[in-house]
Protein backbone atom coordinates (compact mmCIF):
# COMPACT_ATOMS: atom_id res chain seq x y z
CA MET A 1 0.03 0.01 -0.01
CA THR A 2 1.35 3.39 -0.89
CA ALA A 3 1.09 6.29 1.53
CA PRO A 4 -1.38 9.11 0.82
CA HIS A 5 0.08 12.13 -0.99
CA PRO A 6 -0.56 15.24 1.07
CA GLN A 7 -0.65 18.54 -0.82
CA THR A 8 -1.16 21.26 1.64
CA THR A 9 -1.25 25.01 1.42
CA PRO A 10 2.19 26.49 2.10
CA ALA A 11 2.52 28.67 5.13
CA LEU A 12 2.67 32.40 4.25
CA PRO A 13 4.93 34.56 6.42
CA GLY A 14 2.88 36.86 8.53
CA ALA A 15 -0.38 35.41 7.22
CA ILE A 16 -3.40 36.04 9.38
CA GLY A 17 -6.67 34.17 9.17
CA PRO A 18 -8.38 30.80 9.74
CA ALA A 19 -6.55 27.58 9.21
CA PRO A 20 -7.08 26.05 5.72
CA VAL A 21 -9.99 23.67 5.33
CA SER A 22 -8.76 20.04 5.38
CA LEU A 23 -9.92 18.18 2.25
CA LEU A 24 -9.54 14.53 1.47
CA LEU A 25 -9.52 13.98 -2.30
CA ALA A 26 -10.19 10.28 -2.90
CA ASP A 27 -9.70 9.54 -6.67
CA HIS A 28 -10.63 5.82 -6.54
CA ARG A 29 -11.55 5.61 -10.22
CA GLY A 30 -8.32 7.27 -11.41
CA LEU A 31 -10.10 9.27 -14.09
CA GLY A 32 -8.42 12.60 -13.46
CA LEU A 33 -9.95 13.89 -10.27
CA ALA A 34 -6.53 13.94 -8.58
CA ALA A 35 -5.46 16.58 -11.11
CA LEU A 36 -7.67 19.08 -9.27
CA ALA A 37 -5.49 18.88 -6.17
CA PRO A 38 -3.04 21.71 -7.03
CA ALA A 39 -5.87 24.03 -8.06
CA LEU A 40 -7.75 23.31 -4.86
CA VAL A 41 -4.63 24.01 -2.87
CA ARG A 42 -4.45 27.39 -4.55
CA GLN A 43 -8.13 27.98 -3.56
CA GLY A 44 -7.08 27.59 0.12
CA PHE A 45 -7.81 23.97 0.81
CA ALA A 46 -5.32 21.70 2.59
CA VAL A 47 -5.60 18.70 0.29
CA THR A 48 -4.64 15.10 0.97
CA ALA A 49 -4.88 13.08 -2.25
CA CYS A 50 -5.55 9.32 -2.25
CA GLU A 51 -5.83 6.87 -5.19
CA THR A 52 -7.08 3.71 -3.60
CA VAL A 53 -9.60 2.63 -0.98
CA ALA A 54 -6.73 1.46 1.24
CA GLU A 55 -5.05 4.82 1.07
CA THR A 56 -8.30 6.56 1.91
CA ARG A 57 -8.91 4.27 4.86
CA ALA A 58 -5.44 4.99 6.22
CA ALA A 59 -5.77 8.78 5.79
CA LEU A 60 -9.17 8.79 7.48
CA ALA A 61 -7.79 6.74 10.45
CA GLN A 62 -4.88 9.15 10.87
CA GLY A 63 -6.77 12.44 11.05
CA HIS A 64 -9.88 14.55 10.69
CA PHE A 65 -11.02 16.07 7.39
CA ASN A 66 -13.61 18.79 7.13
CA LEU A 67 -14.54 17.68 3.61
CA VAL A 68 -14.23 14.56 1.43
CA LEU A 69 -14.26 14.79 -2.36
CA LEU A 70 -14.82 11.15 -3.49
CA ASP A 71 -14.91 9.63 -6.98
CA PRO A 72 -15.98 6.15 -5.92
CA LEU A 73 -15.91 2.88 -7.79
CA ALA A 74 -19.61 2.67 -7.18
CA ILE A 75 -22.11 5.19 -5.85
CA GLY A 76 -23.10 4.22 -2.30
CA GLY A 77 -22.03 1.03 -0.57
CA ALA A 78 -18.81 0.38 1.26
CA GLU A 79 -16.88 3.46 0.02
CA ALA A 80 -19.69 5.87 1.13
CA GLU A 81 -19.81 4.08 4.50
CA LEU A 82 -16.03 4.29 4.75
CA VAL A 83 -15.77 8.10 4.34
CA ALA A 84 -18.85 8.72 6.50
CA ARG A 85 -17.86 6.74 9.56
CA THR A 86 -14.09 6.11 9.71
CA GLY A 87 -11.64 8.05 11.86
CA PRO A 88 -11.80 10.70 14.60
CA ARG A 89 -14.69 13.16 14.77
CA ALA A 90 -16.49 11.33 11.90
CA PRO A 91 -18.76 11.93 10.02
CA ARG A 92 -17.80 14.86 7.84
CA ALA A 93 -19.31 16.52 4.70
CA VAL A 94 -18.97 14.52 1.49
CA LEU A 95 -19.05 15.52 -2.23
CA LEU A 96 -19.61 12.52 -4.41
CA VAL A 97 -18.45 12.54 -8.08
CA THR A 98 -20.57 10.76 -10.72
CA GLY A 99 -20.37 10.18 -14.45
CA SER A 100 -21.80 12.34 -17.15
CA GLY A 101 -25.34 10.93 -16.96
CA PRO A 102 -28.21 12.14 -14.76
CA LEU A 103 -27.27 12.65 -11.09
CA PRO A 104 -28.61 9.75 -9.01
CA ALA A 105 -31.21 10.43 -6.40
CA ALA A 106 -29.94 11.12 -2.87
CA ALA A 107 -31.99 8.16 -1.70
CA ARG A 108 -29.67 5.91 -3.55
CA VAL A 109 -26.79 6.83 -1.05
CA PRO A 110 -28.38 5.74 2.25
CA GLU A 111 -24.99 5.52 3.90
CA LEU A 112 -24.81 9.35 3.76
CA ARG A 113 -28.25 10.12 4.98
CA GLY A 114 -28.16 12.65 7.77
CA LEU A 115 -24.88 14.05 6.61
CA PRO A 116 -24.12 17.22 4.61
CA PHE A 117 -23.42 15.76 1.16
CA ASP A 118 -23.80 16.69 -2.49
CA LEU A 119 -23.27 15.26 -5.96
CA ALA A 120 -21.21 16.63 -8.88
CA ARG A 121 -20.45 15.32 -12.32
CA ARG A 122 -16.88 14.33 -13.05
CA ASP A 123 -16.59 16.78 -15.91
CA ALA A 124 -17.64 19.76 -13.80
CA GLY A 125 -15.25 22.73 -13.77
CA LEU A 126 -13.11 23.85 -10.95
CA GLU A 127 -15.43 26.70 -10.04
CA GLU A 128 -18.38 24.31 -9.55
CA PHE A 129 -16.30 21.98 -7.38
CA VAL A 130 -15.17 24.87 -5.22
CA TRP A 131 -18.67 26.25 -4.97
CA ARG A 132 -20.16 22.93 -3.97
CA LEU A 133 -17.39 22.30 -1.43
CA GLU A 134 -17.82 25.73 0.13
CA ARG A 135 -21.54 25.26 0.39
CA LEU A 136 -21.03 21.85 2.02
CA LEU A 137 -18.62 23.43 4.52
CA GLU A 138 -21.16 26.05 5.41
CA GLN A 139 -23.80 23.36 5.93
CA ASN A 140 -21.46 21.35 8.05
CA GLN A 141 -20.59 24.36 10.20
CA LEU A 142 -24.24 25.17 10.61
CA ARG A 143 -24.95 21.54 11.62
CA GLY A 144 -22.18 21.68 14.18
CA GLU A 145 -23.55 24.98 15.65
CA LEU A 146 -27.03 23.49 15.94
CA GLN A 147 -25.74 20.41 17.65
CA ARG A 148 -23.80 22.53 20.06
CA VAL A 149 -26.79 24.68 20.87
CA ARG A 150 -28.96 21.54 21.35
CA TYR A 151 -26.33 20.02 23.61
CA GLU A 152 -25.99 23.20 25.71
CA ALA A 153 -29.81 23.39 26.03
CA GLN A 154 -29.95 19.89 27.46
CA HIS A 155 -26.74 19.66 29.47
CA ASP A 156 -25.47 21.54 32.53
CA ASP A 157 -22.56 23.75 31.62
CA ARG A 158 -20.54 22.97 34.81
CA THR A 159 -20.86 19.16 34.88
CA GLY A 160 -21.95 18.02 31.45
CA LEU A 161 -24.81 16.12 33.03
CA LEU A 162 -28.41 16.49 31.86
CA ARG A 163 -30.48 19.39 32.99
CA PRO A 164 -33.62 18.69 35.01
CA ALA A 165 -36.23 18.77 32.16
CA PRO A 166 -34.54 16.40 29.81
CA PHE A 167 -33.62 14.10 32.73
CA GLN A 168 -37.22 13.90 33.77
CA ARG A 169 -38.20 12.91 30.25
CA ARG A 170 -35.58 10.12 30.36
CA VAL A 171 -36.98 8.95 33.69
CA ARG A 172 -40.42 8.74 32.27
CA GLU A 173 -39.19 6.90 29.21
CA HIS A 174 -37.31 4.30 31.25
CA PHE A 175 -40.21 3.90 33.67
CA SER A 176 -42.58 3.23 30.77
CA ALA A 177 -40.20 0.63 29.34
CA ALA A 178 -39.92 -0.98 32.76
CA GLN A 179 -43.70 -1.24 33.00
CA ARG A 180 -44.06 -2.65 29.47
CA HIS A 181 -41.43 -5.33 29.91
CA GLY A 182 -41.37 -5.94 33.67
CA LEU A 183 -37.84 -4.64 34.04
CA PRO A 184 -36.23 -3.43 37.26
CA LEU A 185 -35.33 0.19 37.65
CA ALA A 186 -33.75 2.44 40.38
CA LEU A 187 -33.84 6.21 40.86
CA VAL A 188 -31.07 7.74 42.95
CA LEU A 189 -31.09 11.31 44.39
CA ILE A 190 -27.83 12.76 45.70
CA ASP A 191 -27.33 15.95 47.79
CA LEU A 192 -23.98 17.18 49.04
CA ASP A 193 -23.83 17.62 52.83
CA ARG A 194 -23.37 21.11 54.21
CA PHE A 195 -22.57 22.59 50.76
CA GLY A 196 -23.73 26.02 51.89
CA ARG A 197 -20.77 26.07 54.33
CA VAL A 198 -18.38 25.58 51.45
CA ASN A 199 -19.30 28.84 49.77
CA LYS A 200 -19.42 30.57 53.22
CA ASP A 201 -16.09 29.28 54.50
CA PHE A 202 -14.11 29.50 51.23
CA ASP A 203 -15.22 31.18 48.03
CA HIS A 204 -17.46 30.35 45.13
CA THR A 205 -14.49 29.15 43.05
CA ILE A 206 -14.10 26.21 45.50
CA GLY A 207 -17.78 25.54 45.45
CA ASP A 208 -17.96 25.50 41.65
CA GLU A 209 -14.92 23.17 41.52
CA LEU A 210 -16.55 20.83 43.99
CA ILE A 211 -19.73 20.69 41.87
CA ALA A 212 -17.69 19.98 38.79
CA ARG A 213 -15.75 17.20 40.53
CA THR A 214 -18.93 15.67 41.94
CA GLY A 215 -20.38 15.61 38.43
CA ALA A 216 -17.23 13.74 37.27
CA VAL A 217 -17.60 11.26 40.16
CA VAL A 218 -21.21 10.59 39.16
CA GLN A 219 -20.25 9.97 35.56
CA ARG A 220 -17.32 7.75 36.50
CA CYS A 221 -19.54 5.48 38.63
CA LEU A 222 -22.14 4.77 35.97
CA ARG A 223 -22.60 2.41 33.10
CA ALA A 224 -23.25 3.47 29.51
CA GLU A 225 -26.95 2.86 29.85
CA ASP A 226 -27.38 4.89 33.08
CA VAL A 227 -28.56 8.49 32.92
CA ALA A 228 -27.44 11.29 35.27
CA ALA A 229 -28.43 14.92 35.86
CA ARG A 230 -27.59 17.97 37.92
CA LEU A 231 -30.97 19.11 39.27
CA GLY A 232 -29.62 22.40 40.56
CA GLY A 233 -27.20 23.65 43.14
CA ASP A 234 -25.57 20.65 44.77
CA GLU A 235 -28.40 18.17 43.82
CA PHE A 236 -27.82 15.32 41.43
CA ALA A 237 -29.93 12.41 40.23
CA VAL A 238 -29.28 9.09 38.54
CA VAL A 239 -31.68 6.62 36.86
CA LEU A 240 -30.33 3.03 36.75
CA PRO A 241 -32.30 0.96 34.24
CA TYR A 242 -32.31 -2.86 34.37
CA THR A 243 -30.95 -2.66 37.87
CA GLN A 244 -32.05 -4.81 40.86
CA PRO A 245 -31.99 -3.25 44.33
CA VAL A 246 -28.85 -5.10 45.42
CA ASP A 247 -27.00 -3.91 42.29
CA ALA A 248 -28.25 -0.38 42.87
CA ALA A 249 -26.88 -0.57 46.41
CA ARG A 250 -23.46 -1.42 45.05
CA VAL A 251 -23.48 1.67 42.72
CA ILE A 252 -24.66 3.81 45.63
CA GLN A 253 -21.94 2.51 47.92
CA ARG A 254 -19.32 3.50 45.31
CA LEU A 255 -20.91 6.92 44.88
CA LEU A 256 -20.78 7.58 48.67
CA GLY A 257 -17.13 6.51 48.84
CA GLU A 258 -15.98 8.52 45.82
CA ILE A 259 -17.84 11.64 46.89
CA HIS A 260 -16.25 11.35 50.36
CA GLY A 261 -12.93 10.89 48.55
CA LEU A 262 -13.20 14.43 47.28
CA SER A 263 -12.23 15.70 50.78
CA CYS A 264 -9.01 17.60 50.69
CA ASP A 265 -7.07 20.51 52.00
CA VAL A 266 -8.07 23.81 50.35
CA THR A 267 -6.24 27.10 50.11
CA ARG A 268 -8.34 30.00 51.31
CA PRO A 269 -8.30 33.44 49.48
CA ASP A 270 -6.00 34.79 52.30
CA GLY A 271 -3.43 32.07 51.62
CA THR A 272 -4.20 29.89 54.68
CA HIS A 273 -5.03 26.22 54.36
CA ALA A 274 -8.10 24.46 55.76
CA PRO A 275 -9.61 20.97 55.39
CA LEU A 276 -12.63 20.60 53.20
CA ALA A 277 -14.75 17.65 54.28
CA VAL A 278 -16.97 16.36 51.51
CA SER A 279 -19.78 13.88 51.85
CA GLY A 280 -23.15 13.17 50.39
CA SER A 281 -26.65 12.03 51.36
CA ILE A 282 -28.39 9.64 49.02
CA GLY A 283 -32.00 8.55 48.79
CA PHE A 284 -33.17 5.92 46.37
CA GLU A 285 -36.23 3.93 45.30
CA THR A 286 -36.60 0.96 42.95
CA CYS A 287 -39.43 -0.60 41.02
CA ASP A 288 -39.85 -3.91 39.28
CA GLY A 289 -42.08 -2.59 36.49
CA ARG A 290 -45.24 -3.63 38.35
CA ASP A 291 -45.18 -2.27 41.95
CA LEU A 292 -45.31 1.47 41.31
CA GLU A 293 -47.98 3.26 39.38
CA THR A 294 -46.15 6.25 37.94
CA ALA A 295 -42.68 7.80 37.49
CA GLU A 296 -43.89 10.60 39.85
CA VAL A 297 -44.36 8.06 42.65
CA LEU A 298 -40.91 6.75 42.04
CA ARG A 299 -39.53 10.30 42.27
CA ARG A 300 -41.50 11.18 45.42
CA ASN A 301 -40.37 8.04 47.19
CA ALA A 302 -36.71 8.79 46.41
CA GLU A 303 -37.20 12.33 47.72
CA GLY A 304 -38.55 10.95 50.96
CA ALA A 305 -35.60 8.59 51.28
CA LEU A 306 -33.18 11.50 50.68
CA ARG A 307 -34.81 13.59 53.38
CA ALA A 308 -34.36 10.64 55.82
CA ALA A 309 -30.64 10.46 54.84
CA LYS A 310 -30.16 14.17 55.50
CA ALA A 311 -32.00 13.83 58.86
CA ARG A 312 -29.54 11.10 59.87
CA GLY A 313 -26.63 13.47 59.51
CA GLY A 314 -25.56 12.83 55.96
CA ASN A 315 -22.78 10.66 54.52
CA THR A 316 -25.33 7.83 54.25
CA ALA A 317 -27.87 6.31 51.88
CA VAL A 318 -31.46 5.40 52.62
CA TYR A 319 -33.64 2.97 50.61
CA PHE A 320 -37.24 4.05 50.65
CA ARG A 321 -38.51 0.48 51.17
CA SER A 322 -36.49 0.31 54.42
CA LEU A 323 -38.53 3.23 55.79
CA GLU A 324 -41.76 1.43 54.90
CA HIS A 325 -40.90 -2.02 56.26
CA GLY A 326 -38.09 -1.42 58.76
CA ALA A 327 -35.73 -3.67 56.75
CA PRO A 328 -31.97 -3.11 57.01
CA GLU A 329 -30.80 -0.45 54.63
CA PRO A 330 -28.86 -1.76 51.66
CA SER A 331 -26.10 0.85 51.75
CA THR A 332 -24.53 3.19 54.29
CA ALA A 333 -21.14 4.77 54.49
């Protein structure tokens, strides 16, 4: 296999402006598309030219490209899937080159559905290629901006966890699935102990850092299918789908331990050092898909268990069923 042939825009002394757009030019048919590379470089693109599928795969695995200009052996299929999914930060925008006949319908390239992509004839002039590539770049940038806005609307900016409203929707979704299929589910509510003292005894920078680190602890303790949120202030929540009470207790024990492990010495604004004791109170409730009527009951029960944990001085977890039946609590620190 031969290595890809990079043709990048030369650095201009003292040049000011955005970095050149990275473009992968994949000339799999070998019918002259690669000859566009020097002209595209002059237009400001940083071009990497490949002549085989193997070269393209290697180039995609090594780095990110904003755009892919592909003259495939066949429209759609493995080559379209390759450029759409391979490598870091995939997918990217794709311009497919076709023959001189009518352009195929977009529906014939299902591998690229949902991506910014376009079609151009092989005999198109340089100006048309540049225009289509620039339009694709604008579409891709807009797509990225919309994704970022959507993410920020749903995720807390300090922890990256879900905000309350989208989290509550996920709780209802998981609860409905548990009811339909008779699956176990646990809802866990977490509240840092004496957090108000942190902002009072230190400064808000320390409090903000503690919130961020607690969010990281929550994420670190969870599986891929679990869902976590910051409900506000120092309050967090986790839904554990497909989880029996004993398994939920193990997760909660780990959460208590890792939150307590955030305790450390902190430097005050005046330069003095003071210990920062960190702990959490946890209340949780479970359902088996049949024993609770609504997600609201699940949430209300977990809140009652959290209040009981706070009343016991914190650094502990309370299972709502233990309050009802007097059974030993599954998890305490």
